[in-house]
Amino acid sequence: MIEPDSRLLEILVCPLTKTTLIYDRDRGELVSRAAGLAYPIRNGIPIMLPAEARELSDAERNAK
């Protein structure tokens, strides 16, 4: 898996809530607990479209 640029990760926010994203390296996703969505990263490029995001489970939303 190609890792996204760390500088890019520092400035990206959730397009819906404008909150900070959490990088989940194992799943290759950027997680927005506020929106309850996980945005995929494909070939090192974050796909910041809500229609492409995976909905988080209740357990994932509440995880610390």
Protein backbone atom coordinates (compact mmCIF):
# COMPACT_ATOMS: atom_id res chain seq x y z
CA MET A 1 0.00 0.00 0.00
CA ILE A 2 1.26 3.48 -0.85
CA GLU A 3 1.28 5.80 2.17
CA PRO A 4 -0.19 9.31 1.80
CA ASP A 5 2.13 12.27 2.27
CA SER A 6 2.36 13.20 5.96
CA ARG A 7 2.09 16.93 5.16
CA LEU A 8 -1.18 16.25 3.36
CA LEU A 9 -2.54 14.35 6.37
CA GLU A 10 -1.82 17.34 8.60
CA ILE A 11 -4.05 19.69 6.60
CA LEU A 12 -6.92 17.42 5.59
CA VAL A 13 -10.21 17.68 7.48
CA CYS A 14 -13.54 15.94 7.09
CA PRO A 15 -15.43 17.59 4.21
CA LEU A 16 -18.71 17.32 6.12
CA THR A 17 -17.76 18.35 9.66
CA LYS A 18 -14.44 20.17 9.09
CA THR A 19 -12.99 18.20 12.02
CA THR A 20 -9.61 16.49 12.28
CA LEU A 21 -9.21 13.07 10.73
CA ILE A 22 -7.53 10.05 12.29
CA TYR A 23 -5.21 8.07 10.03
CA ASP A 24 -5.86 4.32 10.30
CA ARG A 25 -2.74 2.84 8.73
CA ASP A 26 -3.95 -0.78 9.07
CA ARG A 27 -7.14 -0.16 7.09
CA GLY A 28 -5.77 2.55 4.81
CA GLU A 29 -8.46 5.04 5.81
CA LEU A 30 -8.92 8.51 7.22
CA VAL A 31 -11.52 8.33 9.98
CA SER A 32 -13.95 11.06 10.96
CA ARG A 33 -15.65 10.02 14.17
CA ALA A 34 -17.70 13.23 14.08
CA ALA A 35 -19.25 12.26 10.73
CA GLY A 36 -19.15 8.52 11.44
CA LEU A 37 -17.26 7.89 8.19
CA ALA A 38 -13.96 6.39 7.07
CA TYR A 39 -12.57 7.81 3.83
CA PRO A 40 -10.48 5.35 1.78
CA ILE A 41 -6.91 5.97 0.66
CA ARG A 42 -6.20 4.53 -2.78
CA ASN A 43 -2.68 4.51 -4.21
CA GLY A 44 -1.65 7.06 -1.59
CA ILE A 45 -4.50 9.44 -2.48
CA PRO A 46 -7.24 10.14 0.09
CA ILE A 47 -10.69 9.90 -1.50
CA MET A 48 -12.57 12.61 0.39
CA LEU A 49 -16.00 11.98 -1.10
CA PRO A 50 -18.74 11.06 1.39
CA ALA A 51 -20.28 8.76 -1.23
CA GLU A 52 -17.03 6.74 -1.28
CA ALA A 53 -16.68 6.59 2.52
CA ARG A 54 -17.47 3.62 4.70
CA GLU A 55 -19.89 4.14 7.58
CA LEU A 56 -18.36 3.45 10.98
CA SER A 57 -19.87 0.91 13.34
CA ASP A 58 -21.07 2.10 16.76
CA ALA A 59 -17.98 0.53 18.35
CA GLU A 60 -15.67 2.40 15.94
CA ARG A 61 -17.42 5.71 16.59
CA ASN A 62 -16.95 5.36 20.33
CA ALA A 63 -13.37 4.00 20.28
CA LYS A 64 -10.65 6.18 21.72
